[in-house]
C-alpha atoms as a PDB file:
ATOM      1  CA  MET A   1      -9.904  10.343  -7.342  1.00  0.00           C
ATOM      2  CA  ILE A   2     -11.574   6.736  -8.171  1.00  0.00           C
ATOM      3  CA  ILE A   3     -10.444   3.628  -7.934  1.00  0.00           C
ATOM      4  CA  ASN A   4     -12.326  -0.107  -8.389  1.00  0.00           C
ATOM      5  CA  ILE A   5     -10.664  -3.013  -8.302  1.00  0.00           C
ATOM      6  CA  LEU A   6     -12.045  -5.368 -10.629  1.00  0.00           C
ATOM      7  CA  LYS A   7     -13.477  -9.256  -9.796  1.00  0.00           C
ATOM      8  CA  GLU A   8     -10.820 -10.490 -12.161  1.00  0.00           C
ATOM      9  CA  THR A   9      -8.110  -9.735 -10.058  1.00  0.00           C
ATOM     10  CA  THR A  10      -6.416 -12.635  -7.633  1.00  0.00           C
ATOM     11  CA  VAL A  11      -8.176 -13.243  -4.865  1.00  0.00           C
ATOM     12  CA  ASN A  12      -5.343 -14.698  -3.318  1.00  0.00           C
ATOM     13  CA  PRO A  13      -1.680 -14.017  -4.827  1.00  0.00           C
ATOM     14  CA  LEU A  14       0.690 -15.510  -2.576  1.00  0.00           C
ATOM     15  CA  ASN A  15      -0.715 -19.098  -2.828  1.00  0.00           C
ATOM     16  CA  LEU A  16      -0.668 -19.005  -6.678  1.00  0.00           C
ATOM     17  CA  ILE A  17       2.375 -18.172  -6.481  1.00  0.00           C
ATOM     18  CA  GLY A  18       3.035 -20.741  -4.647  1.00  0.00           C
ATOM     19  CA  GLU A  19       1.655 -22.948  -6.274  1.00  0.00           C
ATOM     20  CA  ARG A  20       3.466 -21.547  -9.396  1.00  0.00           C
ATOM     21  CA  ALA A  21       6.925 -22.076  -7.258  1.00  0.00           C
ATOM     22  CA  GLY A  22       6.143 -25.478  -6.667  1.00  0.00           C
ATOM     23  CA  VAL A  23       6.232 -26.859  -9.547  1.00  0.00           C
ATOM     24  CA  CYS A  24       9.826 -26.059 -10.237  1.00  0.00           C
ATOM     25  CA  TRP A  25       9.999 -28.401  -6.239  1.00  0.00           C
ATOM     26  CA  GLY A  26       7.901 -31.395  -7.188  1.00  0.00           C
ATOM     27  CA  ALA A  27       5.815 -30.163  -4.308  1.00  0.00           C
ATOM     28  CA  ASP A  28       2.817 -30.636  -3.132  1.00  0.00           C
ATOM     29  CA  ILE A  29       0.687 -27.609  -3.837  1.00  0.00           C
ATOM     30  CA  SER A  30      -2.588 -28.568  -2.239  1.00  0.00           C
ATOM     31  CA  ASN A  31      -1.545 -26.366   1.052  1.00  0.00           C
ATOM     32  CA  LYS A  32      -2.651 -23.415   1.467  1.00  0.00           C
ATOM     33  CA  ASP A  33       0.273 -22.749   4.065  1.00  0.00           C
ATOM     34  CA  LYS A  34       2.866 -24.385   2.976  1.00  0.00           C
ATOM     35  CA  ASN A  35       2.072 -22.254  -0.981  1.00  0.00           C
ATOM     36  CA  ILE A  36       2.112 -19.294   1.005  1.00  0.00           C
ATOM     37  CA  LYS A  37       5.078 -19.746   3.156  1.00  0.00           C
ATOM     38  CA  ARG A  38       7.327 -21.124  -0.485  1.00  0.00           C
ATOM     39  CA  ALA A  39       5.942 -17.838  -2.210  1.00  0.00           C
ATOM     40  CA  ILE A  40       7.545 -15.902   0.391  1.00  0.00           C
ATOM     41  CA  ASN A  41      10.666 -17.414   0.246  1.00  0.00           C
ATOM     42  CA  CYS A  42      10.778 -17.275  -3.490  1.00  0.00           C
ATOM     43  CA  ILE A  43       9.649 -12.974  -2.475  1.00  0.00           C
ATOM     44  CA  LEU A  44      12.544 -12.976  -0.422  1.00  0.00           C
ATOM     45  CA  SER A  45      15.126 -15.334  -2.408  1.00  0.00           C
ATOM     46  CA  GLY A  46      14.363 -12.278  -4.944  1.00  0.00           C
ATOM     47  CA  HIS A  47      12.484 -14.616  -8.237  1.00  0.00           C
ATOM     48  CA  GLY A  48      10.496 -12.127  -9.712  1.00  0.00           C
ATOM     49  CA  ARG A  49       9.256 -13.899 -12.441  1.00  0.00           C
ATOM     50  CA  LEU A  50       6.647 -15.582 -10.088  1.00  0.00           C
ATOM     51  CA  LEU A  51       5.093 -12.190  -9.047  1.00  0.00           C
ATOM     52  CA  GLU A  52       4.045 -12.071 -12.829  1.00  0.00           C
ATOM     53  CA  TYR A  53       1.087 -14.812 -12.780  1.00  0.00           C
ATOM     54  CA  VAL A  54      -0.553 -12.590  -9.853  1.00  0.00           C
ATOM     55  CA  ASN A  55      -3.156 -11.049 -11.990  1.00  0.00           C
ATOM     56  CA  VAL A  56      -4.446  -7.460 -11.410  1.00  0.00           C
ATOM     57  CA  GLU A  57      -7.034  -5.001 -12.981  1.00  0.00           C
ATOM     58  CA  PHE A  58      -8.532  -1.804 -11.776  1.00  0.00           C
ATOM     59  CA  GLU A  59     -10.324   1.356 -13.659  1.00  0.00           C
ATOM     60  CA  ALA A  60      -9.621   4.534 -12.441  1.00  0.00           C
ATOM     61  CA  ASP A  61     -11.811   7.840 -12.756  1.00  0.00           C
ATOM     62  CA  GLU A  62     -10.932  11.493 -12.283  1.00  0.00           C
ATOM     63  CA  VAL A  63      -7.444  10.700 -12.518  1.00  0.00           C
ATOM     64  CA  SER A  64      -5.254  13.526 -14.485  1.00  0.00           C
ATOM     65  CA  SER A  65      -4.261  12.880 -17.948  1.00  0.00           C
ATOM     66  CA  ARG A  66      -0.675  13.505 -17.138  1.00  0.00           C
ATOM     67  CA  CYS A  67      -1.125  11.061 -14.509  1.00  0.00           C
ATOM     68  CA  VAL A  68      -2.227   8.356 -17.290  1.00  0.00           C
ATOM     69  CA  ARG A  69       1.228   9.217 -18.705  1.00  0.00           C
ATOM     70  CA  GLN A  70       2.891   8.724 -15.782  1.00  0.00           C
ATOM     71  CA  ILE A  71       1.403   5.718 -15.234  1.00  0.00           C
ATOM     72  CA  TYR A  72       2.037   4.303 -18.458  1.00  0.00           C
ATOM     73  CA  THR A  73       6.365   4.362 -18.174  1.00  0.00           C
ATOM     74  CA  HIS A  74       5.569   1.384 -15.963  1.00  0.00           C
ATOM     75  CA  LEU A  75       4.386  -0.811 -18.459  1.00  0.00           C
ATOM     76  CA  ALA A  76       6.259  -4.300 -18.066  1.00  0.00           C
ATOM     77  CA  GLY A  77       5.919  -7.791 -18.075  1.00  0.00           C
ATOM     78  CA  SER A  78       2.850  -8.255 -20.067  1.00  0.00           C
ATOM     79  CA  PRO A  79       0.320  -5.032 -19.579  1.00  0.00           C
ATOM     80  CA  THR A  80      -2.622  -3.874 -21.014  1.00  0.00           C
ATOM     81  CA  ARG A  81      -4.784  -0.221 -20.730  1.00  0.00           C
ATOM     82  CA  LEU A  82      -7.015   1.015 -22.016  1.00  0.00           C
ATOM     83  CA  GLN A  83      -8.175   5.573 -21.362  1.00  0.00           C
ATOM     84  CA  ALA A  84     -11.647   6.554 -22.327  1.00  0.00           C
ATOM     85  CA  SER A  85     -11.158   8.069 -26.396  1.00  0.00           C
ATOM     86  CA  THR A  86     -10.865  11.816 -26.624  1.00  0.00           C
ATOM     87  CA  ARG A  87     -11.448  10.637 -30.859  1.00  0.00           C
ATOM     88  CA  TYR A  88     -15.502   9.515 -29.109  1.00  0.00           C
ATOM     89  CA  ILE A  89     -16.071  11.487 -26.351  1.00  0.00           C
ATOM     90  CA  ASN A  90     -17.156  15.396 -26.375  1.00  0.00           C
ATOM     91  CA  TYR A  91     -14.915  17.251 -23.705  1.00  0.00           C
ATOM     92  CA  ASP A  92     -17.155  20.351 -23.500  1.00  0.00           C
ATOM     93  CA  ASN A  93     -17.168  20.021 -19.591  1.00  0.00           C
ATOM     94  CA  PHE A  94     -14.180  18.145 -18.845  1.00  0.00           C
ATOM     95  CA  SER A  95     -13.462  18.665 -15.138  1.00  0.00           C
ATOM     96  CA  TYR A  96      -9.668  18.970 -14.344  1.00  0.00           C
ATOM     97  CA  TYR A  97      -6.932  17.904 -11.676  1.00  0.00           C
ATOM     98  CA  ILE A  98      -5.849  21.333  -9.227  1.00  0.00           C
ATOM     99  CA  PRO A  99      -2.514  21.041  -7.373  1.00  0.00           C
ATOM    100  CA  ASP A 100      -2.607  21.785  -3.486  1.00  0.00           C
ATOM    101  CA  ASN A 101      -0.547  24.280  -3.493  1.00  0.00           C
ATOM    102  CA  ILE A 102      -2.483  26.206  -6.702  1.00  0.00           C
ATOM    103  CA  GLU A 103      -5.729  25.804  -4.334  1.00  0.00           C
ATOM    104  CA  LYS A 104      -4.123  27.238  -1.690  1.00  0.00           C
ATOM    105  CA  ASN A 105      -3.373  30.545  -3.321  1.00  0.00           C
ATOM    106  CA  GLN A 106      -6.700  31.602  -4.420  1.00  0.00           C
ATOM    107  CA  VAL A 107      -5.107  34.626  -6.998  1.00  0.00           C
ATOM    108  CA  ALA A 108      -3.290  31.492  -8.757  1.00  0.00           C
ATOM    109  CA  LEU A 109      -6.538  29.279  -8.362  1.00  0.00           C
ATOM    110  CA  TYR A 110      -8.285  32.155 -10.477  1.00  0.00           C
ATOM    111  CA  GLU A 111      -5.948  31.828 -13.571  1.00  0.00           C
ATOM    112  CA  TYR A 112      -5.890  28.478 -13.169  1.00  0.00           C
ATOM    113  CA  ASN A 113      -9.541  27.724 -13.968  1.00  0.00           C
ATOM    114  CA  GLU A 114      -9.848  30.948 -16.215  1.00  0.00           C
ATOM    115  CA  ILE A 115      -7.374  28.443 -18.026  1.00  0.00           C
ATOM    116  CA  MET A 116      -9.111  25.710 -18.210  1.00  0.00           C
ATOM    117  CA  LYS A 117     -12.684  27.946 -18.372  1.00  0.00           C
ATOM    118  CA  SER A 118     -10.892  29.252 -21.783  1.00  0.00           C
ATOM    119  CA  ILE A 119     -10.013  25.839 -23.188  1.00  0.00           C
ATOM    120  CA  LYS A 120     -13.663  24.912 -22.462  1.00  0.00           C
ATOM    121  CA  LYS A 121     -14.563  27.536 -24.785  1.00  0.00           C
ATOM    122  CA  SER A 122     -12.067  27.047 -27.330  1.00  0.00           C
ATOM    123  CA  TYR A 123     -13.096  23.618 -27.293  1.00  0.00           C
ATOM    124  CA  SER A 124     -16.575  23.974 -28.470  1.00  0.00           C
ATOM    125  CA  ARG A 125     -16.177  26.277 -30.988  1.00  0.00           C
ATOM    126  CA  LEU A 126     -14.448  24.371 -33.133  1.00  0.00           C
ATOM    127  CA  ILE A 127     -16.848  21.469 -32.526  1.00  0.00           C
ATOM    128  CA  GLU A 128     -19.186  24.148 -33.397  1.00  0.00           C
ATOM    129  CA  LEU A 129     -17.281  24.925 -36.214  1.00  0.00           C
ATOM    130  CA  GLY A 130     -17.180  21.427 -37.060  1.00  0.00           C
ATOM    131  CA  ILE A 131     -13.888  19.915 -36.861  1.00  0.00           C
ATOM    132  CA  ASP A 132     -13.783  16.738 -35.817  1.00  0.00           C
ATOM    133  CA  LYS A 133     -13.450  15.425 -31.593  1.00  0.00           C
ATOM    134  CA  GLU A 134     -10.119  14.120 -32.369  1.00  0.00           C
ATOM    135  CA  ASP A 135      -8.224  17.280 -34.058  1.00  0.00           C
ATOM    136  CA  ALA A 136      -9.962  19.825 -31.186  1.00  0.00           C
ATOM    137  CA  ALA A 137      -8.808  17.733 -28.621  1.00  0.00           C
ATOM    138  CA  ASN A 138      -5.239  19.014 -29.047  1.00  0.00           C
ATOM    139  CA  VAL A 139      -6.757  22.284 -26.855  1.00  0.00           C
ATOM    140  CA  LEU A 140      -6.939  19.775 -24.116  1.00  0.00           C
ATOM    141  CA  PRO A 141      -4.658  19.716 -21.295  1.00  0.00           C
ATOM    142  CA  LEU A 142      -2.954  17.503 -19.452  1.00  0.00           C
ATOM    143  CA  GLY A 143      -4.715  18.370 -16.433  1.00  0.00           C
ATOM    144  CA  MET A 144      -7.644  17.251 -17.797  1.00  0.00           C
ATOM    145  CA  ASN A 145      -9.367  14.031 -15.891  1.00  0.00           C
ATOM    146  CA  SER A 146      -9.290  10.773 -18.067  1.00  0.00           C
ATOM    147  CA  LYS A 147     -10.796   7.226 -17.200  1.00  0.00           C
ATOM    148  CA  ILE A 148      -8.436   4.156 -17.620  1.00  0.00           C
ATOM    149  CA  VAL A 149      -9.283   0.297 -17.511  1.00  0.00           C
ATOM    150  CA  MET A 150      -5.739  -1.175 -16.606  1.00  0.00           C
ATOM    151  CA  LYS A 151      -4.436  -4.878 -16.342  1.00  0.00           C
ATOM    152  CA  CYS A 152      -1.096  -5.847 -15.416  1.00  0.00           C
ATOM    153  CA  ASN A 153       0.703  -8.196 -12.773  1.00  0.00           C
ATOM    154  CA  LEU A 154       2.607  -8.157  -9.383  1.00  0.00           C
ATOM    155  CA  ARG A 155       5.841  -7.564 -11.085  1.00  0.00           C
ATOM    156  CA  MET A 156       5.097  -4.151 -12.282  1.00  0.00           C
ATOM    157  CA  LEU A 157       2.818  -3.205  -9.242  1.00  0.00           C
ATOM    158  CA  GLU A 158       5.874  -3.885  -7.119  1.00  0.00           C
ATOM    159  CA  ASN A 159       8.408  -1.791  -9.241  1.00  0.00           C
ATOM    160  CA  PHE A 160       5.441   0.738  -9.911  1.00  0.00           C
ATOM    161  CA  MET A 161       4.897   1.491  -5.901  1.00  0.00           C
ATOM    162  CA  GLY A 162       8.642   1.136  -5.812  1.00  0.00           C
ATOM    163  CA  GLN A 163       9.210   4.347  -7.326  1.00  0.00           C
ATOM    164  CA  ARG A 164       5.739   6.208  -7.208  1.00  0.00           C
ATOM    165  CA  LEU A 165       5.133   6.218  -3.290  1.00  0.00           C
ATOM    166  CA  CYS A 166       8.215   7.917  -2.638  1.00  0.00           C
ATOM    167  CA  SER A 167       8.015  11.131  -1.123  1.00  0.00           C
ATOM    168  CA  ARG A 168       9.753  12.804  -4.401  1.00  0.00           C
ATOM    169  CA  ALA A 169       7.234  11.350  -6.815  1.00  0.00           C
ATOM    170  CA  TYR A 170       4.562  14.303  -7.992  1.00  0.00           C
ATOM    171  CA  LYS A 171       2.118  14.112  -4.962  1.00  0.00           C
ATOM    172  CA  GLU A 172      -1.314  13.034  -7.634  1.00  0.00           C
ATOM    173  CA  ILE A 173       0.792   9.577  -8.744  1.00  0.00           C
ATOM    174  CA  ARG A 174       1.851   9.217  -5.073  1.00  0.00           C
ATOM    175  CA  ASP A 175      -1.592   9.913  -4.175  1.00  0.00           C
ATOM    176  CA  PHE A 176      -2.592   7.202  -6.825  1.00  0.00           C
ATOM    177  CA  ALA A 177      -0.557   4.706  -5.745  1.00  0.00           C
ATOM    178  CA  ASN A 178      -1.498   5.064  -2.354  1.00  0.00           C
ATOM    179  CA  LEU A 179      -4.989   4.177  -2.996  1.00  0.00           C
ATOM    180  CA  LEU A 180      -4.082   1.534  -5.243  1.00  0.00           C
ATOM    181  CA  ARG A 181      -2.282  -0.070  -2.180  1.00  0.00           C
ATOM    182  CA  LYS A 182      -5.489   0.424  -0.073  1.00  0.00           C
ATOM    183  CA  ASN A 183      -7.442  -0.703  -2.305  1.00  0.00           C
ATOM    184  CA  LEU A 184      -6.123  -4.004  -3.017  1.00  0.00           C
ATOM    185  CA  ILE A 185      -5.829  -4.514   0.976  1.00  0.00           C
ATOM    186  CA  ALA A 186      -9.333  -3.860   0.930  1.00  0.00           C
ATOM    187  CA  TYR A 187     -10.357  -6.466  -2.212  1.00  0.00           C
ATOM    188  CA  GLY A 188      -8.548  -8.882  -0.489  1.00  0.00           C
ATOM    189  CA  GLU A 189     -10.056  -8.383   2.752  1.00  0.00           C
ATOM    190  CA  SER A 190     -13.860  -8.479   1.154  1.00  0.00           C
ATOM    191  CA  ASN A 191     -12.919 -11.850  -0.528  1.00  0.00           C
ATOM    192  CA  ASN A 192     -12.138 -13.191   2.996  1.00  0.00           C
ATOM    193  CA  SER A 193      -8.115 -12.994   2.297  1.00  0.00           C
ATOM    194  CA  ASP A 194      -5.223 -11.325   3.891  1.00  0.00           C
ATOM    195  CA  GLU A 195      -2.889 -11.960   1.541  1.00  0.00           C
ATOM    196  CA  TRP A 196      -3.126  -8.161  -0.180  1.00  0.00           C
ATOM    197  CA  LYS A 197      -2.533  -7.062   3.139  1.00  0.00           C
ATOM    198  CA  MET A 198       0.822  -9.199   3.613  1.00  0.00           C
ATOM    199  CA  ILE A 199       1.681  -8.540  -0.232  1.00  0.00           C
ATOM    200  CA  ALA A 200       1.224  -4.539   0.549  1.00  0.00           C
ATOM    201  CA  GLU A 201       3.209  -4.167   3.501  1.00  0.00           C
ATOM    202  CA  ASN A 202       6.139  -6.178   2.476  1.00  0.00           C
ATOM    203  CA  ILE A 203       7.157  -5.412  -0.723  1.00  0.00           C
ATOM    204  CA  LEU A 204       4.368  -2.440  -2.178  1.00  0.00           C
ATOM    205  CA  LEU A 205       6.757  -0.107  -0.501  1.00  0.00           C
ATOM    206  CA  PRO A 206       9.027   2.886  -1.117  1.00  0.00           C
ATOM    207  CA  LYS A 207      11.968   0.775  -2.454  1.00  0.00           C
ATOM    208  CA  CYS A 208      13.896   3.111  -0.315  1.00  0.00           C
ATOM    209  CA  GLU A 209      11.733   0.911   2.299  1.00  0.00           C
ATOM    210  CA  ARG A 210      12.761  -3.054   0.850  1.00  0.00           C
ATOM    211  CA  VAL A 211      16.663  -2.029   0.098  1.00  0.00           C
ATOM    212  CA  GLY A 212      17.364  -0.461   3.450  1.00  0.00           C
ATOM    213  CA  TYR A 213      18.521   3.243   1.665  1.00  0.00           C
ATOM    214  CA  CYS A 214      18.059   5.708  -0.507  1.00  0.00           C
ATOM    215  CA  THR A 215      18.679   5.326  -3.602  1.00  0.00           C
ATOM    216  CA  GLU A 216      18.226   8.083  -5.371  1.00  0.00           C
ATOM    217  CA  SER A 217      21.081  11.027  -6.614  1.00  0.00           C
ATOM    218  CA  LYS A 218      18.344  14.034  -4.262  1.00  0.00           C
ATOM    219  CA  CYS A 219      17.681  12.638  -1.464  1.00  0.00           C
ATOM    220  CA  CYS A 220      14.014  13.026   0.867  1.00  0.00           C
ATOM    221  CA  GLY A 221      15.604  12.301   3.941  1.00  0.00           C
ATOM    222  CA  ARG A 222      13.355   8.814   5.451  1.00  0.00           C
ATOM    223  CA  LYS A 223      16.389   7.100   4.476  1.00  0.00           C
ATOM    224  CA  GLU A 224      19.935   7.513   4.531  1.00  0.00           C
ATOM    225  CA  LYS A 225      21.375   7.849   1.079  1.00  0.00           C
ATOM    226  CA  LYS A 226      23.767   5.298   0.388  1.00  0.00           C
ATOM    227  CA  GLU A 227      26.774   5.772  -2.268  1.00  0.00           C
ATOM    228  CA  ILE A 228      27.106   3.390  -5.020  1.00  0.00           C
ATOM    229  CA  GLU A 229      29.931   2.815  -6.906  1.00  0.00           C
ATOM    230  CA  TRP A 230      29.917   2.613 -10.464  1.00  0.00           C
ATOM    231  CA  LYS A 231      32.371  -0.359 -11.866  1.00  0.00           C
ATOM    232  CA  VAL A 232      34.188   0.216 -14.486  1.00  0.00           C
END
Protein backbone atom coordinates (compact mmCIF):
# COMPACT_ATOMS: atom_id res chain seq x y z
CA MET A 1 0.00 0.00 0.00
CA ILE A 2 1.40 3.37 -1.05
CA ILE A 3 -0.04 6.82 -0.27
CA ASN A 4 1.53 9.96 -1.68
CA ILE A 5 0.34 13.32 -0.33
CA LEU A 6 0.19 15.79 -3.21
CA LYS A 7 1.59 19.32 -3.10
CA GLU A 8 -1.87 20.85 -3.47
CA THR A 9 -2.64 19.76 0.11
CA THR A 10 -2.86 22.70 2.52
CA VAL A 11 0.48 23.03 4.35
CA ASN A 12 -0.76 25.09 7.33
CA PRO A 13 -4.36 23.94 7.89
CA LEU A 14 -4.85 25.53 11.32
CA ASN A 15 -3.59 28.90 10.16
CA LEU A 16 -5.96 28.74 7.19
CA ILE A 17 -8.92 27.84 9.39
CA GLY A 18 -8.04 30.73 11.70
CA GLU A 19 -7.85 33.13 8.77
CA ARG A 20 -11.25 32.09 7.46
CA ALA A 21 -12.81 32.27 10.91
CA GLY A 22 -11.31 35.74 11.36
CA VAL A 23 -13.71 37.04 8.71
CA CYS A 24 -16.63 36.28 11.03
CA TRP A 25 -14.97 38.15 13.89
CA GLY A 26 -13.50 41.01 11.91
CA ALA A 27 -10.19 39.93 13.41
CA ASP A 28 -6.61 40.68 12.47
CA ILE A 29 -5.54 37.59 10.50
CA SER A 30 -1.91 38.62 9.99
CA ASN A 31 -0.79 36.95 13.24
CA LYS A 32 -0.24 33.22 12.73
CA ASP A 33 -0.28 32.33 16.44
CA LYS A 34 -3.64 34.07 16.90
CA ASN A 35 -4.98 32.35 13.80
CA ILE A 36 -4.03 28.94 15.19
CA LYS A 37 -5.56 29.74 18.57
CA ARG A 38 -8.74 30.90 16.85
CA ALA A 39 -8.81 27.73 14.74
CA ILE A 40 -8.46 25.48 17.78
CA ASN A 41 -11.27 27.32 19.57
CA CYS A 42 -13.52 26.89 16.54
CA ILE A 43 -12.73 23.18 16.25
CA LEU A 44 -13.36 22.60 19.96
CA SER A 45 -16.65 24.47 19.60
CA GLY A 46 -17.74 22.10 16.86
CA HIS A 47 -17.76 24.57 13.97
CA GLY A 48 -17.13 21.86 11.38
CA ARG A 49 -17.79 23.98 8.31
CA LEU A 50 -14.42 25.69 8.75
CA LEU A 51 -12.69 22.34 8.22
CA GLU A 52 -14.00 22.36 4.65
CA TYR A 53 -11.50 25.09 3.72
CA VAL A 54 -8.58 22.71 4.26
CA ASN A 55 -7.66 20.85 1.07
CA VAL A 56 -6.28 17.30 1.07
CA GLU A 57 -5.12 15.62 -2.14
CA PHE A 58 -3.37 12.27 -2.40
CA GLU A 59 -2.56 9.33 -4.65
CA ALA A 60 -3.05 5.82 -3.32
CA ASP A 61 -1.71 2.71 -5.03
CA GLU A 62 -1.80 -1.02 -4.25
CA VAL A 63 -5.18 -0.61 -2.55
CA SER A 64 -7.83 -3.27 -3.13
CA SER A 65 -11.00 -2.37 -5.00
CA ARG A 66 -12.91 -3.41 -1.88
CA CYS A 67 -10.97 -0.89 0.19
CA VAL A 68 -11.59 1.80 -2.43
CA ARG A 69 -15.33 1.19 -2.17
CA GLN A 70 -15.15 1.76 1.58
CA ILE A 71 -13.22 4.99 1.05
CA TYR A 72 -15.95 6.20 -1.31
CA THR A 73 -18.65 5.68 1.34
CA HIS A 74 -17.24 8.75 3.12
CA LEU A 75 -17.76 11.21 0.29
CA ALA A 76 -18.90 14.45 1.86
CA GLY A 77 -18.43 18.16 1.34
CA SER A 78 -16.96 18.54 -2.16
CA PRO A 79 -14.68 15.56 -2.84
CA THR A 80 -13.35 14.61 -6.24
CA ARG A 81 -11.77 11.29 -7.10
CA LEU A 82 -10.42 9.35 -10.05
CA GLN A 83 -9.61 5.67 -10.25
CA ALA A 84 -7.52 3.54 -12.59
CA SER A 85 -9.88 2.50 -15.39
CA THR A 86 -10.91 -1.11 -16.01
CA ARG A 87 -12.12 0.07 -19.41
CA TYR A 88 -8.75 1.12 -20.84
CA ILE A 89 -6.13 -0.72 -18.74
CA ASN A 90 -5.33 -4.37 -19.33
CA TYR A 91 -5.42 -6.32 -16.05
CA ASP A 92 -4.22 -9.71 -17.27
CA ASN A 93 -1.58 -9.72 -14.52
CA PHE A 94 -3.21 -7.71 -11.72
CA SER A 95 -1.80 -7.67 -8.18
CA TYR A 96 -4.14 -8.31 -5.29
CA TYR A 97 -4.62 -7.92 -1.55
CA ILE A 98 -4.02 -10.93 0.71
CA PRO A 99 -5.69 -10.71 4.15
CA ASP A 100 -3.47 -11.66 7.10
CA ASN A 101 -5.73 -14.55 8.15
CA ILE A 102 -5.35 -16.12 4.71
CA GLU A 103 -1.62 -15.46 4.48
CA LYS A 104 -1.05 -17.24 7.79
CA ASN A 105 -2.94 -20.35 6.64
CA GLN A 106 -0.92 -22.20 4.01
CA VAL A 107 -3.86 -24.23 2.71
CA ALA A 108 -6.11 -21.18 2.50
CA LEU A 109 -3.31 -19.16 0.89
CA TYR A 110 -2.86 -21.81 -1.79
CA GLU A 111 -6.59 -21.83 -2.57
CA TYR A 112 -6.72 -18.03 -2.61
CA ASN A 113 -3.80 -17.74 -5.03
CA GLU A 114 -5.22 -20.46 -7.26
CA ILE A 115 -8.51 -18.58 -7.52
CA MET A 116 -6.66 -15.43 -8.51
CA LYS A 117 -4.64 -17.34 -11.13
CA SER A 118 -7.86 -18.74 -12.55
CA ILE A 119 -9.43 -15.28 -12.79
CA LYS A 120 -6.33 -13.91 -14.55
CA LYS A 121 -6.43 -16.80 -17.01
CA SER A 122 -10.14 -16.34 -17.71
CA TYR A 123 -9.73 -12.58 -18.12
CA SER A 124 -6.86 -13.06 -20.59
CA ARG A 125 -8.86 -15.65 -22.51
CA LEU A 126 -11.79 -13.25 -22.88
CA ILE A 127 -9.44 -10.59 -24.26
CA GLU A 128 -8.01 -13.16 -26.71
CA LEU A 129 -11.55 -13.91 -27.86
CA GLY A 130 -11.97 -10.27 -28.79
CA ILE A 131 -14.01 -9.18 -25.76
CA ASP A 132 -13.53 -5.52 -24.87
CA LYS A 133 -11.60 -4.85 -21.66
CA GLU A 134 -14.59 -3.01 -20.18
CA ASP A 135 -16.69 -6.20 -20.52
CA ALA A 136 -13.97 -8.65 -19.51
CA ALA A 137 -13.42 -6.54 -16.38
CA ASN A 138 -16.64 -7.96 -14.89
CA VAL A 139 -14.70 -11.05 -13.80
CA LEU A 140 -12.09 -9.06 -11.87
CA PRO A 141 -12.24 -9.57 -8.07
CA LEU A 142 -12.80 -7.06 -5.27
CA GLY A 143 -9.38 -8.03 -3.92
CA MET A 144 -7.65 -6.71 -7.06
CA ASN A 145 -5.39 -3.76 -6.32
CA SER A 146 -6.24 -0.43 -7.87
CA LYS A 147 -4.97 3.14 -7.88
CA ILE A 148 -6.86 6.32 -7.03
CA VAL A 149 -6.16 10.02 -6.86
CA MET A 150 -8.44 11.87 -4.49
CA LYS A 151 -9.25 15.40 -3.41
CA CYS A 152 -11.25 16.04 -0.23
CA ASN A 153 -11.46 18.42 2.69
CA LEU A 154 -10.61 18.06 6.36
CA ARG A 155 -14.25 17.75 7.41
CA MET A 156 -14.64 14.61 5.34
CA LEU A 157 -11.28 13.33 6.56
CA GLU A 158 -12.29 13.81 10.19
CA ASN A 159 -15.39 11.68 9.61
CA PHE A 160 -13.41 9.06 7.71
CA MET A 161 -10.77 8.71 10.43
CA GLY A 162 -13.38 8.53 13.17
CA GLN A 163 -14.96 5.52 11.49
CA ARG A 164 -12.01 3.74 9.90
CA LEU A 165 -9.46 4.03 12.71
CA CYS A 166 -11.97 2.16 14.87
CA SER A 167 -10.67 -1.26 15.95
CA ARG A 168 -13.78 -2.84 14.42
CA ALA A 169 -13.06 -1.46 10.94
CA TYR A 170 -11.78 -3.93 8.33
CA LYS A 171 -8.01 -4.28 8.67
CA GLU A 172 -7.07 -3.03 5.19
CA ILE A 173 -9.12 0.17 5.49
CA ARG A 174 -7.72 0.65 9.02
CA ASP A 175 -4.19 0.27 7.66
CA PHE A 176 -5.06 2.77 4.93
CA ALA A 177 -6.37 5.30 7.47
CA ASN A 178 -3.29 4.92 9.68
CA LEU A 179 -0.92 5.36 6.74
CA LEU A 180 -2.79 8.40 5.43
CA ARG A 181 -2.69 9.96 8.90
CA LYS A 182 1.05 9.21 9.24
CA ASN A 183 1.83 10.63 5.81
CA LEU A 184 -0.10 13.84 6.47
CA ILE A 185 2.03 14.40 9.57
CA ALA A 186 5.17 13.76 7.52
CA TYR A 187 3.91 16.10 4.78
CA GLY A 188 3.54 18.92 7.29
CA GLU A 189 6.96 18.27 8.81
CA SER A 190 8.61 18.21 5.37
CA ASN A 191 7.17 21.69 4.83
CA ASN A 192 8.36 22.96 8.24
CA SER A 193 4.86 22.86 9.72
CA ASP A 194 3.66 20.98 12.80
CA GLU A 195 0.01 21.82 12.16
CA TRP A 196 -0.88 18.45 10.60
CA LYS A 197 0.67 16.74 13.62
CA MET A 198 -1.52 18.85 15.91
CA ILE A 199 -4.60 18.00 13.85
CA ALA A 200 -3.73 14.29 13.71
CA GLU A 201 -3.24 14.08 17.46
CA ASN A 202 -6.47 15.90 18.26
CA ILE A 203 -9.12 15.22 15.62
CA LEU A 204 -7.90 12.53 13.21
CA LEU A 205 -8.73 9.86 15.77
CA PRO A 206 -11.14 6.98 16.30
CA LYS A 207 -14.48 8.52 17.26
CA CYS A 208 -14.35 6.96 20.73
CA GLU A 209 -11.15 8.89 21.40
CA ARG A 210 -12.91 12.09 20.41
CA VAL A 211 -16.09 11.68 22.47
CA GLY A 212 -14.63 9.63 25.34
CA TYR A 213 -16.86 6.56 25.01
CA CYS A 214 -17.80 3.89 22.48
CA THR A 215 -20.73 4.71 20.20
CA GLU A 216 -20.84 1.33 18.42
CA SER A 217 -23.51 -1.28 19.09
CA LYS A 218 -20.69 -3.84 19.38
CA CYS A 219 -17.81 -2.52 21.47
CA CYS A 220 -14.14 -3.48 21.05
CA GLY A 221 -13.36 -2.47 24.65
CA ARG A 222 -11.01 0.43 23.88
CA LYS A 223 -13.45 2.79 25.57
CA GLU A 224 -16.40 2.03 27.82
CA LYS A 225 -19.69 1.80 25.98
CA LYS A 226 -22.29 4.44 26.82
CA GLU A 227 -25.96 3.73 26.37
CA ILE A 228 -27.63 6.66 24.68
CA GLU A 229 -31.37 7.00 25.02
CA TRP A 230 -33.29 7.73 21.83
CA LYS A 231 -36.08 10.15 22.60
CA VAL A 232 -39.45 9.42 21.02
